[in-house]
Amino acid sequence: MLETLSNLDTQLFLFFNRNTSPFWDIIMYYGTLKYTWIPLYLFILFGIGRKYKLQTILIVIFIALLITMTDQLSMFSKELFERWRPCRDPELGPFINLYQGKCGGRFGFFSAHAASSFGLAYFTSRLFKRRWFTISIFVWASFVAYTRVYLGSHFPGDIIVGAIAGIIIGWINIKLLFLFPIKQEKRREHVVYKLNNY
């Protein structure tokens, strides 16, 4: 069973990784860089500040905790399972499209990019509770996760597990956050969100 899943994961990886073009190489390369998304992070921070005012500081602390948890859990998982990144696998090496020869560390299970992106997506979607934002932020998280497969750094399985781990960690942190009385600014009135509403 595990061997079948592993073979399927490899075939899916090769399909996505080898369907490339010079144009998409550049898009995916910059799409995977965290610095590329600084304007998005600032937009989210502005939205939080506008909606939650002084409580923004508490929310940012929980976002920092979320990112730390996803990174540390991913690091622990990589050392525990020791699953090669595709670009480090000697059997797959000759068949991989590796843009600019950049790969990353030895192990790739699971993806920290996927975990942190989906964790942030879930957490902020629960903060804003707007359909357009929820769809947009999860499309963004999916794109960031996909860049890791396209660039040869992760198998699809690394991404899927990372996304699930990120959503769980996002759920934990939003639950912890709403143990505090969080108020949002809405039509000049304060609406108190309590734990039993979530």
C-alpha atoms as a PDB file:
ATOM      1  CA  MET A   1       0.000   0.000   0.000  1.00  0.00           C
ATOM      2  CA  LEU A   2       2.721   2.469   0.987  1.00  0.00           C
ATOM      3  CA  GLU A   3       4.756   1.484  -2.058  1.00  0.00           C
ATOM      4  CA  THR A   4       1.738   2.090  -4.307  1.00  0.00           C
ATOM      5  CA  LEU A   5       1.162   5.525  -2.777  1.00  0.00           C
ATOM      6  CA  SER A   6       4.853   6.346  -3.112  1.00  0.00           C
ATOM      7  CA  ASN A   7       4.873   5.374  -6.789  1.00  0.00           C
ATOM      8  CA  LEU A   8       1.742   7.429  -7.425  1.00  0.00           C
ATOM      9  CA  ASP A   9       3.315  10.383  -5.628  1.00  0.00           C
ATOM     10  CA  THR A  10       6.410  10.095  -7.819  1.00  0.00           C
ATOM     11  CA  GLN A  11       4.391   9.881 -11.041  1.00  0.00           C
ATOM     12  CA  LEU A  12       2.328  12.930 -10.079  1.00  0.00           C
ATOM     13  CA  PHE A  13       5.487  14.802  -9.221  1.00  0.00           C
ATOM     14  CA  LEU A  14       7.091  14.037 -12.581  1.00  0.00           C
ATOM     15  CA  PHE A  15       3.923  15.073 -14.404  1.00  0.00           C
ATOM     16  CA  PHE A  16       3.739  18.474 -12.716  1.00  0.00           C
ATOM     17  CA  ASN A  17       7.472  19.096 -12.580  1.00  0.00           C
ATOM     18  CA  ARG A  18       8.203  18.301 -16.220  1.00  0.00           C
ATOM     19  CA  ASN A  19       5.351  20.344 -17.709  1.00  0.00           C
ATOM     20  CA  THR A  20       7.274  23.598 -17.606  1.00  0.00           C
ATOM     21  CA  SER A  21       8.172  26.616 -19.695  1.00  0.00           C
ATOM     22  CA  PRO A  22      10.659  29.504 -19.330  1.00  0.00           C
ATOM     23  CA  PHE A  23       7.789  31.887 -18.540  1.00  0.00           C
ATOM     24  CA  TRP A  24       6.368  29.721 -15.750  1.00  0.00           C
ATOM     25  CA  ASP A  25       9.859  28.985 -14.447  1.00  0.00           C
ATOM     26  CA  ILE A  26      10.209  32.659 -13.536  1.00  0.00           C
ATOM     27  CA  ILE A  27       6.660  32.953 -12.152  1.00  0.00           C
ATOM     28  CA  MET A  28       7.092  29.882  -9.952  1.00  0.00           C
ATOM     29  CA  TYR A  29      10.563  30.906  -8.784  1.00  0.00           C
ATOM     30  CA  TYR A  30       9.424  34.291  -7.546  1.00  0.00           C
ATOM     31  CA  GLY A  31       6.123  32.866  -6.328  1.00  0.00           C
ATOM     32  CA  THR A  32       7.940  30.581  -3.913  1.00  0.00           C
ATOM     33  CA  LEU A  33       9.969  33.396  -2.327  1.00  0.00           C
ATOM     34  CA  LYS A  34       8.544  34.740   0.921  1.00  0.00           C
ATOM     35  CA  TYR A  35       9.766  38.259   0.180  1.00  0.00           C
ATOM     36  CA  THR A  36       7.593  38.354  -2.942  1.00  0.00           C
ATOM     37  CA  TRP A  37       4.504  38.296  -0.756  1.00  0.00           C
ATOM     38  CA  ILE A  38       5.426  41.154   1.590  1.00  0.00           C
ATOM     39  CA  PRO A  39       2.698  43.370   0.022  1.00  0.00           C
ATOM     40  CA  LEU A  40       0.132  40.637   0.749  1.00  0.00           C
ATOM     41  CA  TYR A  41       1.302  40.332   4.353  1.00  0.00           C
ATOM     42  CA  LEU A  42       1.067  44.108   4.765  1.00  0.00           C
ATOM     43  CA  PHE A  43      -2.428  44.066   3.259  1.00  0.00           C
ATOM     44  CA  ILE A  44      -3.498  41.395   5.750  1.00  0.00           C
ATOM     45  CA  LEU A  45      -1.914  43.332   8.615  1.00  0.00           C
ATOM     46  CA  PHE A  46      -3.707  46.500   7.505  1.00  0.00           C
ATOM     47  CA  GLY A  47      -7.017  44.612   7.387  1.00  0.00           C
ATOM     48  CA  ILE A  48      -6.472  43.177  10.857  1.00  0.00           C
ATOM     49  CA  GLY A  49      -5.534  46.574  12.228  1.00  0.00           C
ATOM     50  CA  ARG A  50      -8.586  48.189  10.692  1.00  0.00           C
ATOM     51  CA  LYS A  51     -10.931  45.535  12.024  1.00  0.00           C
ATOM     52  CA  TYR A  52      -9.455  44.729  15.427  1.00  0.00           C
ATOM     53  CA  LYS A  53      -7.654  47.958  16.390  1.00  0.00           C
ATOM     54  CA  LEU A  54      -5.399  47.584  19.466  1.00  0.00           C
ATOM     55  CA  GLN A  55      -5.991  43.842  19.609  1.00  0.00           C
ATOM     56  CA  THR A  56      -3.913  43.564  16.434  1.00  0.00           C
ATOM     57  CA  ILE A  57      -0.842  43.062  18.626  1.00  0.00           C
ATOM     58  CA  LEU A  58      -2.327  39.947  20.215  1.00  0.00           C
ATOM     59  CA  ILE A  59      -3.372  38.598  16.810  1.00  0.00           C
ATOM     60  CA  VAL A  60       0.112  39.169  15.355  1.00  0.00           C
ATOM     61  CA  ILE A  61       1.607  37.259  18.305  1.00  0.00           C
ATOM     62  CA  PHE A  62      -0.611  34.291  17.469  1.00  0.00           C
ATOM     63  CA  ILE A  63       0.308  34.515  13.781  1.00  0.00           C
ATOM     64  CA  ALA A  64       3.983  34.442  14.768  1.00  0.00           C
ATOM     65  CA  LEU A  65       3.256  31.436  16.990  1.00  0.00           C
ATOM     66  CA  LEU A  66       1.469  29.719  14.090  1.00  0.00           C
ATOM     67  CA  ILE A  67       4.403  30.223  11.707  1.00  0.00           C
ATOM     68  CA  THR A  68       6.875  29.030  14.344  1.00  0.00           C
ATOM     69  CA  MET A  69       4.819  25.911  15.035  1.00  0.00           C
ATOM     70  CA  THR A  70       4.519  24.987  11.350  1.00  0.00           C
ATOM     71  CA  ASP A  71       8.235  25.517  10.735  1.00  0.00           C
ATOM     72  CA  GLN A  72       9.322  23.549  13.795  1.00  0.00           C
ATOM     73  CA  LEU A  73       6.903  20.688  13.168  1.00  0.00           C
ATOM     74  CA  SER A  74       8.036  20.475   9.548  1.00  0.00           C
ATOM     75  CA  MET A  75      11.672  20.414  10.627  1.00  0.00           C
ATOM     76  CA  PHE A  76      10.951  17.676  13.172  1.00  0.00           C
ATOM     77  CA  SER A  77       9.031  15.641  10.591  1.00  0.00           C
ATOM     78  CA  LYS A  78      11.835  15.924   8.029  1.00  0.00           C
ATOM     79  CA  GLU A  79      14.401  14.603  10.485  1.00  0.00           C
ATOM     80  CA  LEU A  80      12.033  11.884  11.701  1.00  0.00           C
ATOM     81  CA  PHE A  81      10.994  10.440   8.324  1.00  0.00           C
ATOM     82  CA  GLU A  82      14.132  11.326   6.326  1.00  0.00           C
ATOM     83  CA  ARG A  83      12.316  11.284   3.002  1.00  0.00           C
ATOM     84  CA  TRP A  84      14.493  12.696   0.258  1.00  0.00           C
ATOM     85  CA  ARG A  85      13.455  15.790  -1.581  1.00  0.00           C
ATOM     86  CA  PRO A  86      12.885  14.898  -5.247  1.00  0.00           C
ATOM     87  CA  CYS A  87      15.838  17.062  -6.256  1.00  0.00           C
ATOM     88  CA  ARG A  88      18.070  15.131  -3.814  1.00  0.00           C
ATOM     89  CA  ASP A  89      16.892  11.691  -4.890  1.00  0.00           C
ATOM     90  CA  PRO A  90      19.687  10.125  -7.000  1.00  0.00           C
ATOM     91  CA  GLU A  91      17.180   8.049  -8.991  1.00  0.00           C
ATOM     92  CA  LEU A  92      15.023  11.027  -9.946  1.00  0.00           C
ATOM     93  CA  GLY A  93      17.780  13.577 -10.433  1.00  0.00           C
ATOM     94  CA  PRO A  94      18.225  13.155 -14.218  1.00  0.00           C
ATOM     95  CA  PHE A  95      14.464  13.565 -14.839  1.00  0.00           C
ATOM     96  CA  ILE A  96      13.805  16.685 -12.755  1.00  0.00           C
ATOM     97  CA  ASN A  97      13.345  20.234 -13.944  1.00  0.00           C
ATOM     98  CA  LEU A  98      15.389  22.193 -11.398  1.00  0.00           C
ATOM     99  CA  TYR A  99      15.270  25.923 -12.025  1.00  0.00           C
ATOM    100  CA  GLN A 100      18.667  27.600 -11.436  1.00  0.00           C
ATOM    101  CA  GLY A 101      19.859  24.402  -9.743  1.00  0.00           C
ATOM    102  CA  LYS A 102      18.335  25.386  -6.392  1.00  0.00           C
ATOM    103  CA  CYS A 103      17.022  22.584  -4.230  1.00  0.00           C
ATOM    104  CA  GLY A 104      17.055  23.079  -0.453  1.00  0.00           C
ATOM    105  CA  GLY A 105      17.887  20.694   2.380  1.00  0.00           C
ATOM    106  CA  ARG A 106      18.122  16.907   2.134  1.00  0.00           C
ATOM    107  CA  PHE A 107      14.655  15.960   3.323  1.00  0.00           C
ATOM    108  CA  GLY A 108      11.252  17.203   2.270  1.00  0.00           C
ATOM    109  CA  PHE A 109       8.461  15.546   4.252  1.00  0.00           C
ATOM    110  CA  PHE A 110       6.544  17.637   4.923  1.00  0.00           C
ATOM    111  CA  SER A 111       6.632  21.039   3.227  1.00  0.00           C
ATOM    112  CA  ALA A 112       7.040  24.021   5.562  1.00  0.00           C
ATOM    113  CA  HIS A 113       5.913  26.326   2.747  1.00  0.00           C
ATOM    114  CA  ALA A 114       2.623  24.444   2.426  1.00  0.00           C
ATOM    115  CA  ALA A 115       2.112  24.230   6.182  1.00  0.00           C
ATOM    116  CA  SER A 116       2.738  27.903   6.906  1.00  0.00           C
ATOM    117  CA  SER A 117       0.751  29.097   3.870  1.00  0.00           C
ATOM    118  CA  PHE A 118      -2.315  26.985   4.621  1.00  0.00           C
ATOM    119  CA  GLY A 119      -2.027  27.685   8.339  1.00  0.00           C
ATOM    120  CA  LEU A 120      -2.025  31.420   7.675  1.00  0.00           C
ATOM    121  CA  ALA A 121      -4.857  31.035   5.161  1.00  0.00           C
ATOM    122  CA  TYR A 122      -7.088  29.207   7.626  1.00  0.00           C
ATOM    123  CA  PHE A 123      -6.263  31.509  10.530  1.00  0.00           C
ATOM    124  CA  THR A 124      -6.901  34.739   8.636  1.00  0.00           C
ATOM    125  CA  SER A 125     -10.024  33.388   6.916  1.00  0.00           C
ATOM    126  CA  ARG A 126     -11.532  32.865  10.370  1.00  0.00           C
ATOM    127  CA  LEU A 127     -10.553  36.396  11.337  1.00  0.00           C
ATOM    128  CA  PHE A 128     -12.105  38.163   8.358  1.00  0.00           C
ATOM    129  CA  LYS A 129     -15.006  35.823   7.577  1.00  0.00           C
ATOM    130  CA  ARG A 130     -15.440  37.160   4.068  1.00  0.00           C
ATOM    131  CA  ARG A 131     -16.092  34.752   1.210  1.00  0.00           C
ATOM    132  CA  TRP A 132     -13.939  36.653  -1.276  1.00  0.00           C
ATOM    133  CA  PHE A 133     -11.024  36.716   1.154  1.00  0.00           C
ATOM    134  CA  THR A 134     -11.327  33.026   2.056  1.00  0.00           C
ATOM    135  CA  ILE A 135     -11.314  31.965  -1.589  1.00  0.00           C
ATOM    136  CA  SER A 136      -8.458  34.315  -2.464  1.00  0.00           C
ATOM    137  CA  ILE A 137      -6.216  33.345   0.436  1.00  0.00           C
ATOM    138  CA  PHE A 138      -6.650  29.616  -0.137  1.00  0.00           C
ATOM    139  CA  VAL A 139      -5.937  30.066  -3.859  1.00  0.00           C
ATOM    140  CA  TRP A 140      -2.757  31.891  -2.827  1.00  0.00           C
ATOM    141  CA  ALA A 141      -1.777  29.112  -0.410  1.00  0.00           C
ATOM    142  CA  SER A 142      -2.395  26.483  -3.109  1.00  0.00           C
ATOM    143  CA  PHE A 143      -0.262  28.416  -5.570  1.00  0.00           C
ATOM    144  CA  VAL A 144       2.629  28.754  -3.117  1.00  0.00           C
ATOM    145  CA  ALA A 145       2.419  25.040  -2.339  1.00  0.00           C
ATOM    146  CA  TYR A 146       2.337  24.140  -6.041  1.00  0.00           C
ATOM    147  CA  THR A 147       5.510  26.143  -6.718  1.00  0.00           C
ATOM    148  CA  ARG A 148       7.375  23.704  -4.489  1.00  0.00           C
ATOM    149  CA  VAL A 149       6.425  20.771  -6.737  1.00  0.00           C
ATOM    150  CA  TYR A 150       7.041  22.712  -9.923  1.00  0.00           C
ATOM    151  CA  LEU A 151      10.525  23.695  -8.772  1.00  0.00           C
ATOM    152  CA  GLY A 152      11.437  20.136  -7.773  1.00  0.00           C
ATOM    153  CA  SER A 153      11.660  20.675  -4.011  1.00  0.00           C
ATOM    154  CA  HIS A 154       8.703  18.533  -2.886  1.00  0.00           C
ATOM    155  CA  PHE A 155       6.522  15.622  -3.862  1.00  0.00           C
ATOM    156  CA  PRO A 156       2.758  16.275  -3.998  1.00  0.00           C
ATOM    157  CA  GLY A 157       2.414  14.136  -0.853  1.00  0.00           C
ATOM    158  CA  ASP A 158       4.732  16.502   1.008  1.00  0.00           C
ATOM    159  CA  ILE A 159       2.431  19.358   0.009  1.00  0.00           C
ATOM    160  CA  ILE A 160      -0.818  17.624   0.925  1.00  0.00           C
ATOM    161  CA  VAL A 161       0.404  16.568   4.373  1.00  0.00           C
ATOM    162  CA  GLY A 162       1.916  20.018   4.917  1.00  0.00           C
ATOM    163  CA  ALA A 163      -1.383  21.677   4.016  1.00  0.00           C
ATOM    164  CA  ILE A 164      -3.320  19.452   6.424  1.00  0.00           C
ATOM    165  CA  ALA A 165      -0.792  20.071   9.210  1.00  0.00           C
ATOM    166  CA  GLY A 166      -0.963  23.813   8.568  1.00  0.00           C
ATOM    167  CA  ILE A 167      -4.760  23.906   8.727  1.00  0.00           C
ATOM    168  CA  ILE A 168      -4.744  21.939  11.994  1.00  0.00           C
ATOM    169  CA  ILE A 169      -2.181  24.307  13.508  1.00  0.00           C
ATOM    170  CA  GLY A 170      -4.188  27.280  12.211  1.00  0.00           C
ATOM    171  CA  TRP A 171      -7.302  25.827  13.854  1.00  0.00           C
ATOM    172  CA  ILE A 172      -5.464  25.350  17.158  1.00  0.00           C
ATOM    173  CA  ASN A 173      -4.199  28.923  17.139  1.00  0.00           C
ATOM    174  CA  ILE A 174      -7.534  30.488  16.253  1.00  0.00           C
ATOM    175  CA  LYS A 175      -9.131  28.525  19.096  1.00  0.00           C
ATOM    176  CA  LEU A 176      -6.450  29.770  21.489  1.00  0.00           C
ATOM    177  CA  LEU A 177      -6.857  33.326  20.235  1.00  0.00           C
ATOM    178  CA  PHE A 178     -10.585  33.327  20.859  1.00  0.00           C
ATOM    179  CA  LEU A 179     -10.084  32.296  24.450  1.00  0.00           C
ATOM    180  CA  PHE A 180      -9.494  36.038  24.752  1.00  0.00           C
ATOM    181  CA  PRO A 181     -12.389  38.507  24.299  1.00  0.00           C
ATOM    182  CA  ILE A 182     -11.668  39.644  20.745  1.00  0.00           C
ATOM    183  CA  LYS A 183     -13.551  42.700  19.507  1.00  0.00           C
ATOM    184  CA  GLN A 184     -13.930  43.860  15.929  1.00  0.00           C
ATOM    185  CA  GLU A 185     -14.896  47.291  14.683  1.00  0.00           C
ATOM    186  CA  LYS A 186     -18.195  47.012  12.807  1.00  0.00           C
ATOM    187  CA  ARG A 187     -20.424  49.965  11.994  1.00  0.00           C
ATOM    188  CA  ARG A 188     -19.063  51.856  14.990  1.00  0.00           C
ATOM    189  CA  GLU A 189     -20.128  49.102  17.347  1.00  0.00           C
ATOM    190  CA  HIS A 190     -17.987  46.483  19.051  1.00  0.00           C
ATOM    191  CA  VAL A 191     -18.968  42.887  18.519  1.00  0.00           C
ATOM    192  CA  VAL A 192     -17.476  40.457  21.013  1.00  0.00           C
ATOM    193  CA  TYR A 193     -16.508  37.049  19.618  1.00  0.00           C
ATOM    194  CA  LYS A 194     -16.565  34.338  22.256  1.00  0.00           C
ATOM    195  CA  LEU A 195     -15.243  30.809  22.109  1.00  0.00           C
ATOM    196  CA  ASN A 196     -18.676  29.200  21.893  1.00  0.00           C
ATOM    197  CA  ASN A 197     -19.267  30.967  18.567  1.00  0.00           C
ATOM    198  CA  TYR A 198     -16.407  29.043  16.952  1.00  0.00           C
END
